[in-house]
C-alpha atoms as a PDB file:
ATOM      1  CA  MET A   1     -89.723 -93.955  53.307  1.00  0.00           C
ATOM      2  CA  VAL A   2     -90.942 -94.537  56.856  1.00  0.00           C
ATOM      3  CA  LEU A   3     -89.258 -92.532  59.597  1.00  0.00           C
ATOM      4  CA  ARG A   4     -90.554 -94.239  62.712  1.00  0.00           C
ATOM      5  CA  LEU A   5     -88.157 -97.109  63.169  1.00  0.00           C
ATOM      6  CA  GLU A   6     -85.758 -97.094  66.075  1.00  0.00           C
ATOM      7  CA  GLY A   7     -82.438 -95.662  64.989  1.00  0.00           C
ATOM      8  CA  SER A   8     -84.101 -93.392  62.439  1.00  0.00           C
ATOM      9  CA  TRP A   9     -82.503 -90.346  64.049  1.00  0.00           C
ATOM     10  CA  SER A  10     -79.483 -90.864  61.778  1.00  0.00           C
ATOM     11  CA  LEU A  11     -81.739 -90.096  58.817  1.00  0.00           C
ATOM     12  CA  LEU A  12     -82.275 -86.582  60.215  1.00  0.00           C
ATOM     13  CA  VAL A  13     -78.997 -85.357  61.722  1.00  0.00           C
ATOM     14  CA  GLY A  14     -77.110 -83.176  59.257  1.00  0.00           C
ATOM     15  CA  LYS A  15     -80.105 -82.749  56.937  1.00  0.00           C
ATOM     16  CA  ARG A  16     -81.642 -79.479  55.828  1.00  0.00           C
ATOM     17  CA  PHE A  17     -85.193 -78.661  56.927  1.00  0.00           C
ATOM     18  CA  LEU A  18     -87.988 -76.218  56.243  1.00  0.00           C
ATOM     19  CA  SER A  19     -90.412 -75.316  59.042  1.00  0.00           C
ATOM     20  CA  LEU A  20     -93.571 -73.304  59.512  1.00  0.00           C
ATOM     21  CA  TRP A  21     -94.991 -72.187  62.861  1.00  0.00           C
ATOM     22  CA  GLU A  22     -98.394 -70.715  63.461  1.00  0.00           C
ATOM     23  CA  GLU A  23     -97.688 -67.089  64.261  1.00  0.00           C
ATOM     24  CA  GLU A  24    -101.235 -65.840  64.011  1.00  0.00           C
ATOM     25  CA  ASP A  25    -104.751 -67.258  64.074  1.00  0.00           C
ATOM     26  CA  GLY A  26    -106.791 -67.555  60.943  1.00  0.00           C
ATOM     27  CA  PRO A  27    -106.699 -69.438  57.662  1.00  0.00           C
ATOM     28  CA  TRP A  28    -103.561 -69.816  55.567  1.00  0.00           C
ATOM     29  CA  ASP A  29    -103.972 -68.710  51.946  1.00  0.00           C
ATOM     30  CA  THR A  30    -102.563 -71.623  49.936  1.00  0.00           C
ATOM     31  CA  ALA A  31    -102.311 -69.438  46.837  1.00  0.00           C
ATOM     32  CA  ARG A  32     -99.625 -67.426  48.660  1.00  0.00           C
ATOM     33  CA  VAL A  33     -97.574 -70.327  50.079  1.00  0.00           C
ATOM     34  CA  LEU A  34     -94.294 -68.664  49.032  1.00  0.00           C
ATOM     35  CA  GLU A  35     -95.112 -65.708  51.293  1.00  0.00           C
ATOM     36  CA  TRP A  36     -95.655 -67.798  54.416  1.00  0.00           C
ATOM     37  CA  PRO A  37     -93.044 -67.274  57.182  1.00  0.00           C
ATOM     38  CA  TRP A  38     -90.923 -70.369  56.382  1.00  0.00           C
ATOM     39  CA  LYS A  39     -87.713 -70.885  58.360  1.00  0.00           C
ATOM     40  CA  ALA A  40     -84.923 -73.079  57.005  1.00  0.00           C
ATOM     41  CA  GLY A  41     -81.753 -74.513  58.471  1.00  0.00           C
ATOM     42  CA  LYS A  42     -79.866 -77.651  59.417  1.00  0.00           C
ATOM     43  CA  ILE A  43     -80.657 -80.385  61.954  1.00  0.00           C
ATOM     44  CA  ARG A  44     -77.806 -80.909  64.453  1.00  0.00           C
ATOM     45  CA  ALA A  45     -79.240 -83.419  66.977  1.00  0.00           C
ATOM     46  CA  VAL A  46     -82.430 -85.224  68.013  1.00  0.00           C
ATOM     47  CA  SER A  47     -83.726 -86.090  71.482  1.00  0.00           C
ATOM     48  CA  HIS A  48     -84.823 -89.698  70.759  1.00  0.00           C
ATOM     49  CA  THR A  49     -83.655 -92.594  68.647  1.00  0.00           C
ATOM     50  CA  ASP A  50     -87.280 -93.179  67.605  1.00  0.00           C
ATOM     51  CA  ILE A  51     -88.472 -90.032  65.850  1.00  0.00           C
ATOM     52  CA  SER A  52     -92.154 -90.991  66.048  1.00  0.00           C
ATOM     53  CA  LYS A  53     -92.189 -90.100  69.780  1.00  0.00           C
ATOM     54  CA  GLN A  54     -94.598 -87.220  70.363  1.00  0.00           C
ATOM     55  CA  ASP A  55     -92.153 -85.412  72.662  1.00  0.00           C
ATOM     56  CA  LEU A  56     -89.406 -85.395  69.992  1.00  0.00           C
ATOM     57  CA  LYS A  57     -87.171 -82.341  70.107  1.00  0.00           C
ATOM     58  CA  ILE A  58     -84.712 -81.419  67.385  1.00  0.00           C
ATOM     59  CA  CYS A  59     -81.676 -79.168  67.796  1.00  0.00           C
ATOM     60  CA  VAL A  60     -81.583 -76.850  64.792  1.00  0.00           C
ATOM     61  CA  GLU A  61     -79.460 -74.060  63.338  1.00  0.00           C
ATOM     62  CA  PHE A  62     -81.472 -71.566  61.354  1.00  0.00           C
ATOM     63  CA  ASP A  63     -79.967 -70.132  58.181  1.00  0.00           C
ATOM     64  CA  ASP A  64     -80.519 -66.514  59.204  1.00  0.00           C
ATOM     65  CA  GLU A  65     -78.988 -66.851  62.688  1.00  0.00           C
ATOM     66  CA  PRO A  66     -75.427 -67.459  63.943  1.00  0.00           C
ATOM     67  CA  TRP A  67     -74.637 -71.022  65.001  1.00  0.00           C
ATOM     68  CA  GLU A  68     -74.352 -69.953  68.657  1.00  0.00           C
ATOM     69  CA  LYS A  69     -78.122 -69.369  68.650  1.00  0.00           C
ATOM     70  CA  ARG A  70     -79.055 -72.935  67.728  1.00  0.00           C
ATOM     71  CA  ARG A  71     -81.963 -74.227  69.762  1.00  0.00           C
ATOM     72  CA  TRP A  72     -84.199 -77.193  70.477  1.00  0.00           C
ATOM     73  CA  ILE A  73     -87.649 -77.159  68.893  1.00  0.00           C
ATOM     74  CA  GLU A  74     -90.633 -79.449  69.448  1.00  0.00           C
ATOM     75  CA  VAL A  75     -91.574 -80.976  66.108  1.00  0.00           C
ATOM     76  CA  TYR A  76     -94.981 -82.278  67.173  1.00  0.00           C
ATOM     77  CA  SER A  77     -96.031 -79.089  68.978  1.00  0.00           C
ATOM     78  CA  HIS A  78     -99.514 -77.724  68.272  1.00  0.00           C
ATOM     79  CA  LYS A  79     -97.820 -74.535  67.008  1.00  0.00           C
ATOM     80  CA  MET A  80     -95.797 -76.383  64.354  1.00  0.00           C
ATOM     81  CA  LYS A  81     -97.734 -76.332  61.099  1.00  0.00           C
ATOM     82  CA  ALA A  82     -95.116 -78.048  58.931  1.00  0.00           C
ATOM     83  CA  PHE A  83     -91.670 -79.564  59.360  1.00  0.00           C
ATOM     84  CA  LEU A  84     -90.109 -80.848  56.145  1.00  0.00           C
ATOM     85  CA  VAL A  85     -86.767 -82.663  55.958  1.00  0.00           C
ATOM     86  CA  GLU A  86     -84.715 -83.109  52.790  1.00  0.00           C
ATOM     87  CA  GLN A  87     -84.860 -86.634  51.446  1.00  0.00           C
ATOM     88  CA  LYS A  88     -83.182 -86.747  48.039  1.00  0.00           C
ATOM     89  CA  LEU A  89     -82.283 -84.757  44.972  1.00  0.00           C
ATOM     90  CA  VAL A  90     -84.581 -85.328  42.002  1.00  0.00           C
ATOM     91  CA  LEU A  91     -85.088 -83.963  38.512  1.00  0.00           C
ATOM     92  CA  ALA A  92     -88.311 -82.010  38.021  1.00  0.00           C
ATOM     93  CA  GLU A  93     -89.859 -80.847  34.799  1.00  0.00           C
ATOM     94  CA  ARG A  94     -90.012 -77.095  34.370  1.00  0.00           C
ATOM     95  CA  ARG A  95     -90.852 -74.774  31.500  1.00  0.00           C
ATOM     96  CA  SER A  96     -87.820 -73.264  29.804  1.00  0.00           C
ATOM     97  CA  GLN A  97     -87.630 -69.463  29.897  1.00  0.00           C
ATOM     98  CA  ASP A  98     -86.203 -69.472  26.391  1.00  0.00           C
ATOM     99  CA  ASN A  99     -88.905 -71.724  24.955  1.00  0.00           C
ATOM    100  CA  PRO A 100     -92.020 -72.087  27.179  1.00  0.00           C
ATOM    101  CA  MET A 101     -93.335 -74.899  24.979  1.00  0.00           C
ATOM    102  CA  SER A 102     -90.259 -77.044  25.622  1.00  0.00           C
ATOM    103  CA  PRO A 103     -89.954 -78.447  29.183  1.00  0.00           C
ATOM    104  CA  VAL A 104     -86.500 -78.999  30.674  1.00  0.00           C
ATOM    105  CA  GLN A 105     -85.254 -81.007  33.654  1.00  0.00           C
ATOM    106  CA  TRP A 106     -84.149 -78.984  36.713  1.00  0.00           C
ATOM    107  CA  PRO A 107     -82.690 -80.267  39.983  1.00  0.00           C
ATOM    108  CA  ALA A 108     -85.121 -80.127  42.916  1.00  0.00           C
ATOM    109  CA  MET A 109     -85.039 -81.312  46.515  1.00  0.00           C
ATOM    110  CA  ALA A 110     -87.699 -83.843  47.528  1.00  0.00           C
ATOM    111  CA  SER A 111     -88.709 -83.591  51.186  1.00  0.00           C
ATOM    112  CA  ILE A 112     -90.614 -85.683  53.684  1.00  0.00           C
ATOM    113  CA  GLY A 113     -92.921 -84.229  56.297  1.00  0.00           C
ATOM    114  CA  LEU A 114     -92.667 -84.971  59.999  1.00  0.00           C
ATOM    115  CA  ALA A 115     -95.387 -82.540  61.086  1.00  0.00           C
END
């Protein structure tokens, strides 16, 4: 899926996102990705109809904050390390806790990256 066509803003508004900002200098330990300071929420508006514009701003509501504190963030900022947007629900193979030798299908959210 390509998200650079004009009018692509409608593919973002109302979607859930996961973001990661650089809060400190230094390397990120990829073995500890679950411990990184991820922030999640919902996209409420975008500043352009073409989301490939480098000055794109997105109005977001973070999950851990009241809706009155929603704010505009710059997706393509040098401080933004990752900005993932939900794309579709998929089934992913996972090991069963009851029988580790028998994989089962679990629902998972597939995301696309903007930054």
